[in-house]
Amino acid sequence: MRRAATTTTAYFVDEVTIHVRGGRGGDGCVSFRREVFVPKGGPDGGDGGHGGTVYMTARTGVDTLLDLAGRHHYHAESGRPGMGANCAGRGGEDLEILVPVGTLVYDADTNRLLKDLVKPDERIVVAAGGRGGKGNARYASSTNQAPRQYQPGLPGVERTLRLELKLIADVGIVGLPNAGKSTLLARLTHARPKIADYPFTTLTPQLGVAELSDFRRLVLADIPGLLEGAHEGVGLGDAFLRHIERTRVLVHLIDLCPPVGAPTPAEAYRIIRNELEKYSPRLARREEVIVGNKLDLTDAELSREMLAEELGRPVLAISGVSGEGIRPLLEELWTRVQAARAAEPEETPAAHPRDLELDAALRDGEPADWPTLEMSQSDLDAAFEWPTDEEPKT
């Protein structure tokens, strides 16, 4: 089985459009057995081979859709036509496309969700190959001893797909630019995001795994900073907010000691909440932990108390630089994530799985309108040197 290339690079691509097509089935063969002393050997045309099928597999270790962005057409191999001596044609080779776990597969023409690949090694048929046609040996009967009928191969399924990646993480970190999100991710996990003292240092979502005691793990996602008006395209816009739609808990990180001219902690909180609600009310209702950063600075504790009083909610305080408050934060996140997991439904089925089921059944069923063709006598005369009833001369 051939596979699409899966070389990983530092670039992050989370949405692509591709065209997939199953291989065409091979035509059936019209042939008659011809041997010495067997002047009327009968039909022996074999069936055509089935066309190859295009599969899509969610694979751990594939991080982005970058490899698919440079190649837009994925066509499986066609089946070979049948041959004489009852030889069937070779089936076309299947094509497997590897995508990251968390990829949503949409039909680009109807904008319908076909499948949500949320499990590692989950595999679906996106374009089934066409069936191979029958050779004339299949039409032999007591009343049709020299059939010239055969079937052409059927075309494979063809469609345009839109692939959208949503990272799967337990915790999503949101906040204004320079709130310390990347520093926090680096402190909690082994991830090494770029950290600098200017806004929008993080341009793409970053993932990291936090290790807790007793072999517990949390997957965290750092989302690029949001600005007021992000839902209208201000700053980096809301293009990356889709990556926290799968998270179970949100960490709302706030700078307790913002520079002069920057929004106050309470204003920063309301700006981000407003953007989340405008993007997705469902996302805004997600479990949230408010965390004040830069506890190592003067007056940070006082600022935390004022923020908690104004919001009427508890605010955890940490220092991404010194590590103060990090361990209690991890334990709090673990407790919240476990509660969210317990409240989740068992499984969310694909919105329109029947489209793919029909594709998968294409080879097994025989369409009622599948034509049966007949080779003309002139074509037969040109293709064969017909045997006679005369015995060969010695």
Protein backbone atom coordinates (compact mmCIF):
# COMPACT_ATOMS: atom_id res chain seq x y z
CA MET A 1 0.00 0.00 0.00
CA ARG A 2 1.32 3.42 -0.94
CA ARG A 3 1.27 6.21 1.61
CA ALA A 4 1.24 9.95 1.33
CA ALA A 5 4.44 11.58 2.62
CA THR A 6 4.46 12.49 6.33
CA THR A 7 7.67 14.42 6.89
CA THR A 8 7.20 16.83 9.80
CA THR A 9 8.55 20.37 9.86
CA ALA A 10 8.30 23.39 12.09
CA TYR A 11 5.43 24.89 10.06
CA PHE A 12 1.86 24.60 11.30
CA VAL A 13 -1.00 24.08 8.84
CA ASP A 14 -4.45 23.32 10.24
CA GLU A 15 -6.76 23.53 7.21
CA VAL A 16 -6.37 22.19 3.65
CA THR A 17 -8.58 21.19 0.71
CA ILE A 18 -7.71 18.08 -1.30
CA HIS A 19 -9.23 16.04 -4.12
CA VAL A 20 -9.46 12.25 -3.74
CA ARG A 21 -10.44 9.63 -6.29
CA GLY A 22 -10.66 5.87 -6.13
CA GLY A 23 -9.09 3.88 -8.93
CA ARG A 24 -11.18 2.81 -11.91
CA GLY A 25 -12.01 -0.86 -12.22
CA GLY A 26 -10.47 -2.78 -15.11
CA ASP A 27 -12.62 -3.87 -18.06
CA GLY A 28 -13.66 -7.47 -18.48
CA CYS A 29 -12.02 -9.44 -21.29
CA VAL A 30 -13.58 -11.09 -24.33
CA SER A 31 -11.46 -14.13 -25.19
CA PHE A 32 -11.89 -17.67 -26.52
CA ARG A 33 -9.74 -20.67 -25.81
CA ARG A 34 -7.71 -21.69 -28.85
CA GLU A 35 -5.54 -24.76 -28.84
CA VAL A 36 -4.54 -27.47 -31.24
CA PHE A 37 -7.22 -30.15 -31.38
CA VAL A 38 -9.58 -27.86 -29.40
CA PRO A 39 -11.32 -25.92 -32.15
CA LYS A 40 -14.23 -24.84 -29.94
CA GLY A 41 -12.66 -24.27 -26.54
CA GLY A 42 -15.26 -21.80 -25.44
CA PRO A 43 -15.01 -18.39 -23.72
CA ASP A 44 -12.16 -17.78 -21.28
CA GLY A 45 -12.13 -14.01 -20.77
CA GLY A 46 -11.24 -13.02 -17.20
CA ASP A 47 -12.66 -10.26 -15.00
CA GLY A 48 -11.06 -6.86 -14.60
CA GLY A 49 -9.33 -5.96 -11.33
CA HIS A 50 -10.92 -3.66 -8.75
CA GLY A 51 -9.63 -0.09 -8.53
CA GLY A 52 -7.58 0.96 -5.51
CA THR A 53 -9.28 2.68 -2.56
CA VAL A 54 -8.19 5.91 -0.85
CA TYR A 55 -8.04 5.59 2.95
CA MET A 56 -7.48 8.28 5.57
CA THR A 57 -5.79 7.30 8.84
CA ALA A 58 -5.27 9.35 12.01
CA ARG A 59 -1.69 8.75 13.10
CA THR A 60 0.10 9.76 16.29
CA GLY A 61 3.29 11.66 15.46
CA VAL A 62 1.76 13.56 12.52
CA ASP A 63 1.38 17.07 13.94
CA THR A 64 0.01 19.24 11.13
CA LEU A 65 -1.60 19.08 7.70
CA LEU A 66 1.49 20.61 6.10
CA ASP A 67 2.31 17.59 3.93
CA LEU A 68 -1.14 17.74 2.34
CA ALA A 69 -0.88 21.49 1.66
CA GLY A 70 1.69 20.97 -1.09
CA ARG A 71 -0.18 18.20 -2.89
CA HIS A 72 -3.89 18.53 -3.63
CA HIS A 73 -4.71 15.43 -5.70
CA TYR A 74 -4.73 11.90 -4.26
CA HIS A 75 -5.74 9.26 -6.79
CA ALA A 76 -5.55 5.54 -6.16
CA GLU A 77 -4.29 3.18 -8.88
CA SER A 78 -6.75 1.78 -11.41
CA GLY A 79 -7.37 -1.95 -11.84
CA ARG A 80 -5.93 -3.85 -14.79
CA PRO A 81 -8.22 -5.33 -17.48
CA GLY A 82 -8.94 -9.04 -17.54
CA MET A 83 -7.04 -11.41 -19.84
CA GLY A 84 -7.56 -14.68 -21.65
CA ALA A 85 -7.16 -18.12 -20.10
CA ASN A 86 -9.53 -16.97 -17.32
CA CYS A 87 -6.88 -14.64 -15.91
CA ALA A 88 -8.31 -11.79 -13.83
CA GLY A 89 -6.69 -8.37 -13.97
CA ARG A 90 -4.58 -7.16 -11.06
CA GLY A 91 -6.33 -4.92 -8.55
CA GLY A 92 -5.18 -1.32 -8.19
CA GLU A 93 -2.96 -0.42 -5.25
CA ASP A 94 -4.68 1.37 -2.36
CA LEU A 95 -3.56 4.81 -1.19
CA GLU A 96 -3.37 5.75 2.49
CA ILE A 97 -3.32 9.38 3.60
CA LEU A 98 -1.94 10.00 7.10
CA VAL A 99 -3.40 12.92 9.06
CA PRO A 100 -3.06 14.13 12.68
CA VAL A 101 -5.36 12.84 15.38
CA GLY A 102 -8.16 15.39 15.73
CA THR A 103 -8.74 15.94 12.00
CA LEU A 104 -12.30 16.67 10.85
CA VAL A 105 -13.15 15.46 7.34
CA TYR A 106 -15.73 17.57 5.48
CA ASP A 107 -17.23 17.18 2.02
CA ALA A 108 -16.16 20.47 0.46
CA ASP A 109 -19.13 20.61 -1.94
CA THR A 110 -21.87 20.08 0.66
CA ASN A 111 -19.93 21.28 3.73
CA ARG A 112 -21.11 18.18 5.61
CA LEU A 113 -19.01 16.55 8.29
CA LEU A 114 -18.13 13.02 7.14
CA LYS A 115 -15.91 11.90 10.02
CA ASP A 116 -14.12 13.22 13.08
CA LEU A 117 -10.87 11.29 13.50
CA VAL A 118 -10.32 11.53 17.25
CA LYS A 119 -8.70 8.14 17.95
CA PRO A 120 -5.13 7.09 17.05
CA ASP A 121 -4.99 4.71 14.07
CA GLU A 122 -8.66 5.32 13.27
CA ARG A 123 -9.10 4.59 9.56
CA ILE A 124 -11.88 5.43 7.10
CA VAL A 125 -12.58 5.03 3.40
CA VAL A 126 -12.81 8.44 1.72
CA ALA A 127 -12.93 7.27 -1.92
CA ALA A 128 -13.73 3.63 -2.74
CA GLY A 129 -12.31 2.10 -5.90
CA GLY A 130 -14.57 0.99 -8.73
CA ARG A 131 -15.43 -2.66 -9.34
CA GLY A 132 -13.76 -4.54 -12.16
CA GLY A 133 -16.00 -5.64 -15.03
CA LYS A 134 -16.96 -9.23 -15.83
CA GLY A 135 -15.27 -11.10 -18.65
CA ASN A 136 -17.18 -13.05 -21.26
CA ALA A 137 -16.56 -16.36 -19.44
CA ARG A 138 -19.13 -15.17 -16.89
CA TYR A 139 -21.85 -15.08 -19.57
CA ALA A 140 -21.44 -18.63 -20.86
CA SER A 141 -24.56 -20.76 -20.66
CA SER A 142 -26.21 -23.63 -22.44
CA THR A 143 -27.96 -21.20 -24.77
CA ASN A 144 -25.06 -18.76 -25.11
CA GLN A 145 -21.97 -20.89 -25.67
CA ALA A 146 -19.91 -18.23 -27.43
CA PRO A 147 -20.76 -15.00 -25.55
CA ARG A 148 -19.25 -11.76 -26.67
CA GLN A 149 -20.61 -9.77 -23.74
CA TYR A 150 -18.39 -8.11 -21.13
CA GLN A 151 -18.63 -5.35 -18.55
CA PRO A 152 -16.54 -2.20 -18.45
CA GLY A 153 -14.89 -1.29 -15.15
CA LEU A 154 -16.72 1.17 -12.92
CA PRO A 155 -15.14 4.52 -12.03
CA GLY A 156 -14.06 5.08 -8.44
CA VAL A 157 -15.67 7.55 -6.06
CA GLU A 158 -14.44 11.10 -6.57
CA ARG A 159 -14.88 13.99 -4.16
CA THR A 160 -13.26 17.14 -2.81
CA LEU A 161 -12.52 17.12 0.91
CA ARG A 162 -11.85 19.93 3.36
CA LEU A 163 -9.69 18.85 6.28
CA GLU A 164 -9.69 20.87 9.48
CA LEU A 165 -7.39 20.12 12.40
CA LYS A 166 -8.46 20.70 16.00
CA LEU A 167 -5.76 19.85 18.49
CA ILE A 168 -6.77 17.46 21.27
CA ALA A 169 -5.66 18.65 24.71
CA ASP A 170 -6.91 18.47 28.27
CA VAL A 171 -6.17 22.12 29.06
CA GLY A 172 -6.14 25.20 26.85
CA ILE A 173 -4.24 28.34 27.92
CA VAL A 174 -5.74 31.66 26.79
CA GLY A 175 -4.97 35.28 27.55
CA LEU A 176 -3.79 38.59 26.15
CA PRO A 177 -0.40 38.78 24.41
CA ASN A 178 2.57 38.79 26.80
CA ALA A 179 0.51 37.38 29.68
CA GLY A 180 3.12 34.64 30.06
CA LYS A 181 1.33 31.73 28.37
CA SER A 182 4.42 30.32 26.66
CA THR A 183 6.46 30.72 29.83
CA LEU A 184 3.80 28.82 31.75
CA LEU A 185 3.72 26.03 29.14
CA ALA A 186 7.50 25.71 29.29
CA ARG A 187 7.38 25.62 33.11
CA LEU A 188 4.62 22.97 33.24
CA THR A 189 5.85 20.73 30.42
CA HIS A 190 8.91 19.80 28.39
CA ALA A 191 7.72 21.95 25.49
CA ARG A 192 10.09 24.69 24.35
CA PRO A 193 7.98 27.43 22.75
CA LYS A 194 9.60 30.66 21.66
CA ILE A 195 9.59 33.22 24.51
CA ALA A 196 10.28 36.92 24.04
CA ASP A 197 9.27 40.32 25.45
CA TYR A 198 7.16 41.44 22.50
CA PRO A 199 3.52 40.64 21.60
CA PHE A 200 2.57 37.70 19.38
CA THR A 201 5.76 35.76 19.98
CA THR A 202 3.59 32.64 19.69
CA LEU A 203 2.19 32.51 16.16
CA THR A 204 0.82 28.94 16.19
CA PRO A 205 -0.66 26.68 18.87
CA GLN A 206 1.87 24.77 20.97
CA LEU A 207 1.33 21.45 22.75
CA GLY A 208 3.06 20.11 25.86
CA VAL A 209 2.63 17.20 28.27
CA ALA A 210 2.76 17.85 32.03
CA GLU A 211 3.94 14.95 34.22
CA LEU A 212 2.36 14.60 37.67
CA SER A 213 3.02 12.10 40.42
CA ASP A 214 1.60 8.56 40.24
CA PHE A 215 2.07 8.45 36.45
CA ARG A 216 -0.57 11.09 35.76
CA ARG A 217 -0.41 13.21 32.62
CA LEU A 218 -2.06 16.34 31.30
CA VAL A 219 -1.85 17.61 27.72
CA LEU A 220 -1.79 21.42 27.52
CA ALA A 221 -2.22 23.73 24.52
CA ASP A 222 -0.90 27.30 24.36
CA ILE A 223 -3.07 29.42 22.04
CA PRO A 224 -1.65 32.60 20.43
CA GLY A 225 -2.65 35.77 22.26
CA LEU A 226 -6.01 37.41 21.60
CA LEU A 227 -6.82 41.09 21.32
CA GLU A 228 -10.08 42.94 21.60
CA GLY A 229 -11.80 42.53 18.25
CA ALA A 230 -10.07 39.23 17.47
CA HIS A 231 -13.41 37.82 16.20
CA GLU A 232 -13.26 40.54 13.51
CA GLY A 233 -9.67 39.74 12.53
CA VAL A 234 -7.78 42.10 14.85
CA GLY A 235 -4.28 40.82 15.64
CA LEU A 236 -4.05 37.14 14.70
CA GLY A 237 -7.83 36.93 14.74
CA ASP A 238 -9.66 33.91 16.10
CA ALA A 239 -8.24 31.39 13.59
CA PHE A 240 -6.64 29.30 16.33
CA LEU A 241 -9.52 29.28 18.80
CA ARG A 242 -10.79 26.08 17.17
CA HIS A 243 -7.87 24.29 18.82
CA ILE A 244 -9.27 24.82 22.30
CA GLU A 245 -12.78 23.66 21.37
CA ARG A 246 -11.72 20.11 22.26
CA THR A 247 -10.09 21.05 25.56
CA ARG A 248 -11.83 20.11 28.78
CA VAL A 249 -10.60 23.01 30.94
CA LEU A 250 -9.49 26.55 30.12
CA VAL A 251 -6.70 28.33 31.96
CA HIS A 252 -7.34 32.05 31.71
CA LEU A 253 -3.89 33.59 32.35
CA ILE A 254 -3.80 37.23 33.45
CA ASP A 255 -0.84 39.55 34.02
CA LEU A 256 -1.20 40.78 37.62
CA CYS A 257 1.24 43.66 37.03
CA PRO A 258 0.60 44.94 33.50
CA PRO A 259 2.75 47.73 32.04
CA VAL A 260 1.53 51.31 31.94
CA GLY A 261 -1.16 51.80 29.30
CA ALA A 262 -2.10 48.11 29.18
CA PRO A 263 -5.54 46.86 30.34
CA THR A 264 -5.92 46.23 34.06
CA PRO A 265 -6.25 42.58 35.18
CA ALA A 266 -10.05 42.89 35.39
CA GLU A 267 -10.23 44.54 31.96
CA ALA A 268 -7.96 41.86 30.50
CA TYR A 269 -10.26 39.16 31.84
CA ARG A 270 -13.38 40.76 30.34
CA ILE A 271 -11.71 41.30 26.95
CA ILE A 272 -10.87 37.62 26.57
CA ARG A 273 -14.25 36.48 27.90
CA ASN A 274 -15.99 38.72 25.40
CA GLU A 275 -13.97 37.28 22.50
CA LEU A 276 -14.67 33.70 23.60
CA GLU A 277 -18.41 34.36 23.82
CA LYS A 278 -18.50 35.97 20.38
CA TYR A 279 -16.56 33.06 18.88
CA SER A 280 -18.55 30.27 20.52
CA PRO A 281 -21.00 30.52 23.45
CA ARG A 282 -20.43 26.81 24.07
CA LEU A 283 -16.68 27.39 24.40
CA ALA A 284 -17.30 30.29 26.76
CA ARG A 285 -19.19 27.94 29.08
CA ARG A 286 -16.23 25.58 29.36
CA GLU A 287 -14.76 24.91 32.81
CA GLU A 288 -12.35 27.76 33.61
CA VAL A 289 -9.48 28.32 36.02
CA ILE A 290 -8.44 31.97 36.47
CA VAL A 291 -4.70 32.28 37.05
CA GLY A 292 -2.77 35.45 37.87
CA ASN A 293 0.81 35.44 36.62
CA LYS A 294 4.01 37.26 37.71
CA LEU A 295 3.54 36.69 41.44
CA ASP A 296 7.27 37.42 41.87
CA LEU A 297 6.70 41.13 41.16
CA THR A 298 5.89 43.76 43.78
CA ASP A 299 2.19 44.30 44.59
CA ALA A 300 1.21 41.15 42.63
CA GLU A 301 -0.52 39.59 45.65
CA LEU A 302 -2.52 42.76 46.29
CA SER A 303 -3.52 42.83 42.62
CA ARG A 304 -4.66 39.20 42.84
CA GLU A 305 -6.88 39.94 45.85
CA MET A 306 -8.44 42.94 44.10
CA LEU A 307 -9.08 40.87 40.96
CA ALA A 308 -10.71 38.05 42.93
CA GLU A 309 -12.91 40.53 44.77
CA GLU A 310 -13.99 42.30 41.57
CA LEU A 311 -14.75 39.05 39.69
CA GLY A 312 -16.26 37.32 42.71
CA ARG A 313 -14.29 34.18 41.88
CA PRO A 314 -11.09 32.59 43.24
CA VAL A 315 -7.87 33.48 41.43
CA LEU A 316 -4.80 31.27 41.66
CA ALA A 317 -1.46 33.04 41.64
CA ILE A 318 1.76 31.73 40.08
CA SER A 319 5.12 32.89 38.88
CA GLY A 320 6.13 31.43 35.54
CA VAL A 321 9.72 32.55 36.19
CA SER A 322 10.33 31.28 39.73
CA GLY A 323 7.85 28.38 39.62
CA GLU A 324 5.92 29.52 42.68
CA GLY A 325 2.37 28.13 42.71
CA ILE A 326 2.97 25.78 39.79
CA ARG A 327 2.44 22.51 41.69
CA PRO A 328 -0.90 23.58 43.27
CA LEU A 329 -2.03 24.75 39.83
CA LEU A 330 -1.29 21.35 38.28
CA GLU A 331 -3.21 19.54 41.00
CA GLU A 332 -6.17 21.88 40.55
CA LEU A 333 -6.12 21.30 36.78
CA TRP A 334 -5.98 17.53 37.28
CA THR A 335 -9.04 17.65 39.55
CA ARG A 336 -10.99 19.79 37.09
CA VAL A 337 -10.01 17.65 34.09
CA GLN A 338 -11.02 14.43 35.83
CA ALA A 339 -14.42 15.91 36.68
CA ALA A 340 -14.86 17.05 33.06
CA ARG A 341 -13.93 13.60 31.74
CA ALA A 342 -16.49 11.93 34.00
CA ALA A 343 -19.22 14.23 32.68
CA GLU A 344 -18.43 13.63 28.99
CA PRO A 345 -20.71 11.44 26.83
CA GLU A 346 -19.37 8.07 25.76
CA GLU A 347 -18.76 8.95 22.13
CA THR A 348 -19.91 11.48 19.56
CA PRO A 349 -20.74 9.81 16.23
CA ALA A 350 -19.92 11.38 12.89
CA ALA A 351 -22.59 13.69 11.55
CA HIS A 352 -23.09 11.89 8.22
CA PRO A 353 -21.35 8.50 8.31
CA ARG A 354 -23.69 7.06 5.67
CA ASP A 355 -21.81 8.84 2.88
CA LEU A 356 -18.68 6.85 3.66
CA GLU A 357 -20.61 3.61 4.27
CA LEU A 358 -22.04 3.83 0.77
CA ASP A 359 -18.55 4.30 -0.62
CA ALA A 360 -17.24 1.28 1.24
CA ALA A 361 -20.06 -0.89 -0.12
CA LEU A 362 -19.42 0.14 -3.72
CA ARG A 363 -17.34 -2.92 -4.55
CA ASP A 364 -19.65 -5.39 -2.82
CA GLY A 365 -22.86 -4.36 -4.55
CA GLU A 366 -23.62 -4.41 -8.26
CA PRO A 367 -25.40 -1.29 -9.55
CA ALA A 368 -28.60 -1.92 -11.49
CA ASP A 369 -27.46 0.41 -14.27
CA TRP A 370 -24.09 -1.26 -14.80
CA PRO A 371 -23.97 -1.70 -18.60
CA THR A 372 -23.13 -4.94 -20.36
CA LEU A 373 -21.39 -4.35 -23.68
CA GLU A 374 -20.95 -6.67 -26.64
CA MET A 375 -17.92 -6.90 -28.85
CA SER A 376 -18.79 -6.61 -32.54
CA GLN A 377 -17.99 -9.36 -35.04
CA SER A 378 -15.51 -7.14 -36.86
CA ASP A 379 -13.64 -6.43 -33.62
CA LEU A 380 -13.61 -10.14 -32.84
CA ASP A 381 -12.28 -10.98 -36.29
CA ALA A 382 -9.52 -8.41 -35.85
CA ALA A 383 -8.59 -9.68 -32.40
CA PHE A 384 -8.74 -13.42 -33.01
CA GLU A 385 -7.62 -15.89 -35.61
CA TRP A 386 -10.69 -18.08 -35.44
CA PRO A 387 -10.12 -21.88 -35.34
CA THR A 388 -11.88 -24.10 -37.88
CA ASP A 389 -13.58 -27.44 -37.50
CA GLU A 390 -11.02 -29.11 -39.76
CA GLU A 391 -8.51 -31.46 -38.27
CA PRO A 392 -4.92 -30.26 -38.61
CA LYS A 393 -3.02 -31.80 -41.44
CA THR A 394 -0.14 -34.14 -40.61
